[in-house]
Amino acid sequence: PNSGSNTVTQLDTKTGKLNWTFDLNVIRQKSNPSRTTVDANGHVWLGLRGGNEVVWISMLGKLKKVVKVGNVPRAITVDLDGNVWAGAWKDNTVTKINGKTGEVMLTVRGVPCPYGAVTDINNNIWVVNNCKWNNSNTITKLKSDGSILGRFPAPGAYGIATDANGQIWSANWVGSCLLRIANNGSSLGCIPLKARPRGVAVDANGHVWVPCSHIGKTVTKLVVRLSPTGQTVGRYTDVGRHSIGVAVDADGFVWIISYGD
């Protein structure tokens, strides 16, 4: 997603070639696209923070559907059944969308300030509740039928990911550490990173990749790699300034979005 130009772009992960760019002005001007996910068919789902839409685009860059959800969608994930969950930050709601038809299946209310989301190995949905950049943040766990299974402390939570063991990893931007949470919601501690983490992704070997945008208040170039049990096994500075987003492709390569560059 390219917030400044109001577009979304697809890259070929094997070559780096730009395949296509979709202009979101046909849906909403200044739509401010951000959270983006890709389903098992290669279709793209993204939330427009400037409105109340989730946009469904085919893997070839063709518009399939615009789905109305709550205001300011900032969390989005695809579950194991191929359905899409979108959290509306301003409305404190999470909407489940049929991944085959684009129809709204249900809306869960009372989920504070959804900011990010991920689906675990049990098809449960975990939603970061980031109302303020402080230690009051939480993470809500939802069942696939929309029932709330719990809400757990997650100080400073920003990015979120899960691993093959069902553990939840979330970046504590305020505390300069990485939260590790068991699947039952119990805290496994916050691992010091000596930098402020943003996005989180887990590779096929269970290693956790965390871009860190700042050290203190200073913008930095840093990505930290941790083992499946939380030990730091690498710190990489050959990336762009103010790195925030991260993903792992099907070949195991790690992609970093560097906001400052």
Protein backbone atom coordinates (compact mmCIF):
# COMPACT_ATOMS: atom_id res chain seq x y z
CA PRO A 1 0.00 0.00 0.00
CA ASN A 2 1.26 3.46 -0.94
CA SER A 3 -0.48 5.96 1.33
CA GLY A 4 1.02 9.07 -0.25
CA SER A 5 -0.02 8.23 -3.81
CA ASN A 6 -3.29 6.49 -2.83
CA THR A 7 -2.39 3.29 -4.64
CA VAL A 8 -1.50 -0.35 -4.01
CA THR A 9 1.34 -2.06 -5.87
CA GLN A 10 2.19 -5.70 -6.57
CA LEU A 11 5.83 -6.77 -6.87
CA ASP A 12 7.19 -10.07 -8.20
CA THR A 13 9.11 -11.46 -5.21
CA LYS A 14 11.44 -13.50 -7.42
CA THR A 15 12.59 -10.62 -9.63
CA GLY A 16 11.60 -7.42 -7.82
CA LYS A 17 9.68 -6.37 -10.94
CA LEU A 18 6.66 -4.13 -10.46
CA ASN A 19 3.69 -6.07 -11.88
CA TRP A 20 0.89 -3.54 -11.48
CA THR A 21 -0.35 -0.54 -9.52
CA PHE A 22 -4.03 -0.03 -8.70
CA ASP A 23 -5.28 3.55 -8.32
CA LEU A 24 -7.58 3.78 -5.29
CA ASN A 25 -8.90 7.19 -6.33
CA VAL A 26 -11.66 5.34 -8.19
CA ILE A 27 -12.96 4.32 -4.75
CA ARG A 28 -12.02 7.23 -2.49
CA GLN A 29 -9.63 10.15 -2.73
CA LYS A 30 -7.10 10.37 0.10
CA SER A 31 -8.15 6.89 1.19
CA ASN A 32 -4.88 6.42 3.12
CA PRO A 33 -4.38 2.67 2.47
CA SER A 34 -2.36 0.78 5.06
CA ARG A 35 -3.02 -2.71 6.41
CA THR A 36 -2.82 -5.26 3.62
CA THR A 37 -3.04 -9.04 3.41
CA VAL A 38 -3.07 -11.65 0.64
CA ASP A 39 -5.30 -14.73 0.63
CA ALA A 40 -4.46 -18.26 -0.58
CA ASN A 41 -5.64 -17.35 -4.11
CA GLY A 42 -3.24 -14.42 -4.34
CA HIS A 43 -6.01 -11.84 -4.01
CA VAL A 44 -5.29 -8.67 -2.05
CA TRP A 45 -7.43 -7.27 0.76
CA LEU A 46 -6.63 -3.86 2.17
CA GLY A 47 -8.22 -1.37 4.53
CA LEU A 48 -8.69 2.30 3.69
CA ARG A 49 -7.95 4.32 6.82
CA GLY A 50 -9.44 7.41 5.19
CA GLY A 51 -12.91 5.85 5.12
CA ASN A 52 -14.78 2.67 5.99
CA GLU A 53 -13.91 0.37 3.10
CA VAL A 54 -12.04 -2.87 2.66
CA VAL A 55 -10.97 -3.31 -0.97
CA TRP A 56 -10.71 -6.73 -2.62
CA ILE A 57 -8.35 -6.79 -5.63
CA SER A 58 -7.54 -9.84 -7.74
CA MET A 59 -3.99 -11.14 -8.08
CA LEU A 60 -3.99 -9.57 -11.57
CA GLY A 61 -4.80 -6.12 -10.21
CA LYS A 62 -8.53 -6.01 -11.04
CA LEU A 63 -11.10 -4.66 -8.59
CA LYS A 64 -13.37 -7.43 -7.33
CA LYS A 65 -15.38 -5.70 -4.61
CA VAL A 66 -15.51 -2.86 -2.11
CA VAL A 67 -16.83 -3.95 1.29
CA LYS A 68 -18.15 -1.41 3.80
CA VAL A 69 -17.05 -2.05 7.38
CA GLY A 70 -16.63 0.26 10.39
CA ASN A 71 -14.74 3.56 10.32
CA VAL A 72 -10.96 3.55 9.90
CA PRO A 73 -10.11 -0.12 9.19
CA ARG A 74 -6.59 -0.64 10.58
CA ALA A 75 -6.46 -4.39 11.23
CA ILE A 76 -6.89 -7.16 8.65
CA THR A 77 -6.18 -10.89 8.47
CA VAL A 78 -7.32 -13.96 6.52
CA ASP A 79 -8.42 -16.97 8.57
CA LEU A 80 -7.83 -20.67 7.81
CA ASP A 81 -11.19 -20.89 6.03
CA GLY A 82 -10.24 -18.08 3.65
CA ASN A 83 -12.49 -15.51 5.29
CA VAL A 84 -11.26 -11.98 5.99
CA TRP A 85 -11.41 -10.16 9.34
CA ALA A 86 -11.20 -6.36 9.37
CA GLY A 87 -10.97 -4.29 12.53
CA ALA A 88 -12.30 -0.72 12.51
CA TRP A 89 -10.15 1.42 14.80
CA LYS A 90 -12.64 4.24 15.33
CA ASP A 91 -15.75 2.08 15.80
CA ASN A 92 -14.24 -0.63 18.06
CA THR A 93 -15.58 -3.37 15.79
CA VAL A 94 -14.23 -6.37 13.89
CA THR A 95 -16.07 -7.52 10.77
CA LYS A 96 -15.86 -11.01 9.26
CA ILE A 97 -16.10 -11.06 5.45
CA ASN A 98 -16.77 -14.09 3.26
CA GLY A 99 -13.55 -14.59 1.29
CA LYS A 100 -15.40 -16.07 -1.70
CA THR A 101 -18.26 -13.59 -2.07
CA GLY A 102 -17.18 -10.47 -0.19
CA GLU A 103 -20.40 -10.52 1.85
CA VAL A 104 -20.32 -9.46 5.50
CA MET A 105 -20.83 -12.52 7.72
CA LEU A 106 -20.84 -10.94 11.18
CA THR A 107 -19.66 -7.93 13.17
CA VAL A 108 -18.09 -8.18 16.62
CA ARG A 109 -18.55 -5.10 18.80
CA GLY A 110 -16.60 -4.02 21.85
CA VAL A 111 -13.09 -4.74 20.53
CA PRO A 112 -11.15 -1.58 21.46
CA CYS A 113 -9.26 0.30 18.74
CA PRO A 114 -8.26 -2.59 16.42
CA TYR A 115 -4.78 -1.80 15.09
CA GLY A 116 -3.46 -5.09 13.73
CA ALA A 117 -4.60 -8.71 13.49
CA VAL A 118 -3.34 -12.25 12.89
CA THR A 119 -4.84 -15.76 12.65
CA ASP A 120 -3.30 -18.56 14.74
CA ILE A 121 -2.99 -22.32 14.05
CA ASN A 122 -6.36 -22.94 15.76
CA ASN A 123 -8.18 -20.45 13.51
CA ASN A 124 -8.52 -17.93 16.31
CA ILE A 125 -8.13 -14.23 15.56
CA TRP A 126 -5.83 -12.03 17.67
CA VAL A 127 -6.38 -8.27 17.48
CA VAL A 128 -4.05 -5.57 18.79
CA ASN A 129 -5.98 -2.94 20.78
CA ASN A 130 -3.96 0.24 20.36
CA CYS A 131 -5.99 3.25 21.49
CA LYS A 132 -2.95 5.22 22.68
CA TRP A 133 0.79 4.80 22.36
CA ASN A 134 1.27 3.75 25.97
CA ASN A 135 1.30 0.77 28.30
CA SER A 136 -2.51 0.43 28.40
CA ASN A 137 -2.69 -1.56 25.15
CA THR A 138 -4.18 -5.05 25.07
CA ILE A 139 -4.70 -7.94 22.63
CA THR A 140 -8.14 -9.51 22.12
CA LYS A 141 -8.53 -13.19 21.15
CA LEU A 142 -11.61 -14.08 19.06
CA LYS A 143 -13.05 -17.44 18.09
CA SER A 144 -13.98 -18.00 14.44
CA ASP A 145 -17.66 -17.57 15.35
CA GLY A 146 -16.93 -14.08 16.65
CA SER A 147 -17.10 -14.83 20.37
CA ILE A 148 -14.45 -13.17 22.52
CA LEU A 149 -12.14 -15.70 24.19
CA GLY A 150 -10.15 -13.20 26.20
CA ARG A 151 -8.34 -9.88 26.39
CA PHE A 152 -4.76 -9.84 27.56
CA PRO A 153 -2.28 -7.14 28.61
CA ALA A 154 0.05 -6.09 25.79
CA PRO A 155 1.90 -2.89 26.76
CA GLY A 156 2.84 -0.70 23.80
CA ALA A 157 1.57 -3.28 21.28
CA TYR A 158 2.02 -2.38 17.59
CA GLY A 159 2.81 -5.14 15.06
CA ILE A 160 1.65 -8.73 15.60
CA ALA A 161 2.51 -12.19 14.25
CA THR A 162 2.07 -15.83 15.21
CA ASP A 163 4.17 -18.97 14.79
CA ALA A 164 3.65 -22.70 14.14
CA ASN A 165 3.33 -23.34 17.88
CA GLY A 166 0.49 -20.85 18.22
CA GLN A 167 2.59 -18.33 20.14
CA ILE A 168 1.81 -14.66 19.61
CA TRP A 169 4.58 -12.12 19.08
CA SER A 170 3.86 -8.40 19.34
CA ALA A 171 6.11 -5.37 19.12
CA ASN A 172 6.15 -3.23 22.28
CA TRP A 173 7.16 0.06 20.70
CA VAL A 174 6.96 1.96 23.99
CA GLY A 175 9.05 -0.55 25.95
CA SER A 176 11.64 -1.31 23.23
CA CYS A 177 10.98 -5.03 23.56
CA LEU A 178 9.14 -7.89 21.87
CA LEU A 179 6.13 -9.38 23.66
CA ARG A 180 5.84 -13.18 23.64
CA ILE A 181 2.43 -14.61 24.54
CA ALA A 182 1.39 -18.26 24.85
CA ASN A 183 -1.71 -19.37 22.96
CA ASN A 184 -3.72 -19.42 26.17
CA GLY A 185 -2.95 -15.73 26.63
CA SER A 186 -0.38 -16.02 29.40
CA SER A 187 2.62 -13.71 29.10
CA LEU A 188 6.01 -15.23 28.35
CA GLY A 189 7.76 -11.93 28.93
CA CYS A 190 8.99 -9.01 26.85
CA ILE A 191 12.36 -9.59 25.20
CA PRO A 192 14.64 -6.50 25.25
CA LEU A 193 15.65 -5.26 21.80
CA LYS A 194 17.45 -2.00 22.72
CA ALA A 195 15.38 -0.36 19.97
CA ARG A 196 11.74 0.45 19.24
CA PRO A 197 10.09 -2.36 17.24
CA ARG A 198 7.27 -1.91 14.72
CA GLY A 199 6.23 -4.78 12.42
CA VAL A 200 6.69 -8.48 13.18
CA ALA A 201 6.90 -11.54 10.89
CA VAL A 202 7.80 -15.21 11.43
CA ASP A 203 9.61 -17.31 8.83
CA ALA A 204 9.29 -21.04 8.07
CA ASN A 205 12.05 -21.86 10.57
CA GLY A 206 10.19 -20.09 13.36
CA HIS A 207 12.59 -17.16 13.47
CA VAL A 208 11.00 -13.82 14.28
CA TRP A 209 11.94 -10.73 12.23
CA VAL A 210 11.39 -7.30 13.74
CA PRO A 211 12.15 -3.97 12.04
CA CYS A 212 12.95 -1.24 14.57
CA SER A 213 12.32 2.34 13.51
CA HIS A 214 14.00 4.17 16.43
CA ILE A 215 16.56 3.90 19.18
CA GLY A 216 15.13 6.24 21.77
CA LYS A 217 13.91 9.16 19.67
CA THR A 218 16.55 8.74 16.98
CA VAL A 219 15.48 7.28 13.63
CA THR A 220 17.56 4.22 12.84
CA LYS A 221 18.28 1.44 10.33
CA LEU A 222 17.76 -1.85 12.13
CA VAL A 223 16.12 -5.25 11.80
CA VAL A 224 16.42 -7.79 14.63
CA ARG A 225 16.08 -11.57 14.15
CA LEU A 226 15.16 -13.79 17.10
CA SER A 227 15.09 -17.56 17.53
CA PRO A 228 11.78 -19.41 18.11
CA THR A 229 12.48 -19.22 21.85
CA GLY A 230 13.29 -15.51 21.87
CA GLN A 231 17.09 -15.27 21.72
CA THR A 232 18.51 -12.54 19.49
CA VAL A 233 20.45 -14.24 16.68
CA GLY A 234 21.00 -11.32 14.34
CA ARG A 235 20.96 -7.53 14.08
CA TYR A 236 21.00 -6.08 10.55
CA THR A 237 21.62 -2.44 9.64
CA ASP A 238 21.84 -2.75 5.85
CA VAL A 239 18.22 -1.61 5.46
CA GLY A 240 16.43 1.68 4.91
CA ARG A 241 15.83 4.34 7.55
CA HIS A 242 12.72 4.15 9.74
CA SER A 243 11.89 0.53 8.84
CA ILE A 244 8.33 -0.42 9.81
CA GLY A 245 6.73 -3.15 7.67
CA VAL A 246 7.98 -6.72 7.24
CA ALA A 247 6.89 -9.90 5.44
CA VAL A 248 8.40 -13.25 4.48
CA ASP A 249 7.81 -14.62 0.97
CA ALA A 250 7.32 -18.22 -0.18
CA ASP A 251 11.06 -18.62 -0.82
CA GLY A 252 11.98 -17.47 2.68
CA PHE A 253 13.22 -14.02 1.73
CA VAL A 254 12.42 -11.21 4.17
CA TRP A 255 11.02 -7.95 2.81
CA ILE A 256 11.29 -4.71 4.79
CA ILE A 257 9.34 -1.50 4.17
CA SER A 258 11.50 1.52 5.07
CA TYR A 259 9.28 4.54 5.61
CA GLY A 260 12.12 7.05 5.90
CA ASP A 261 13.64 6.18 2.51
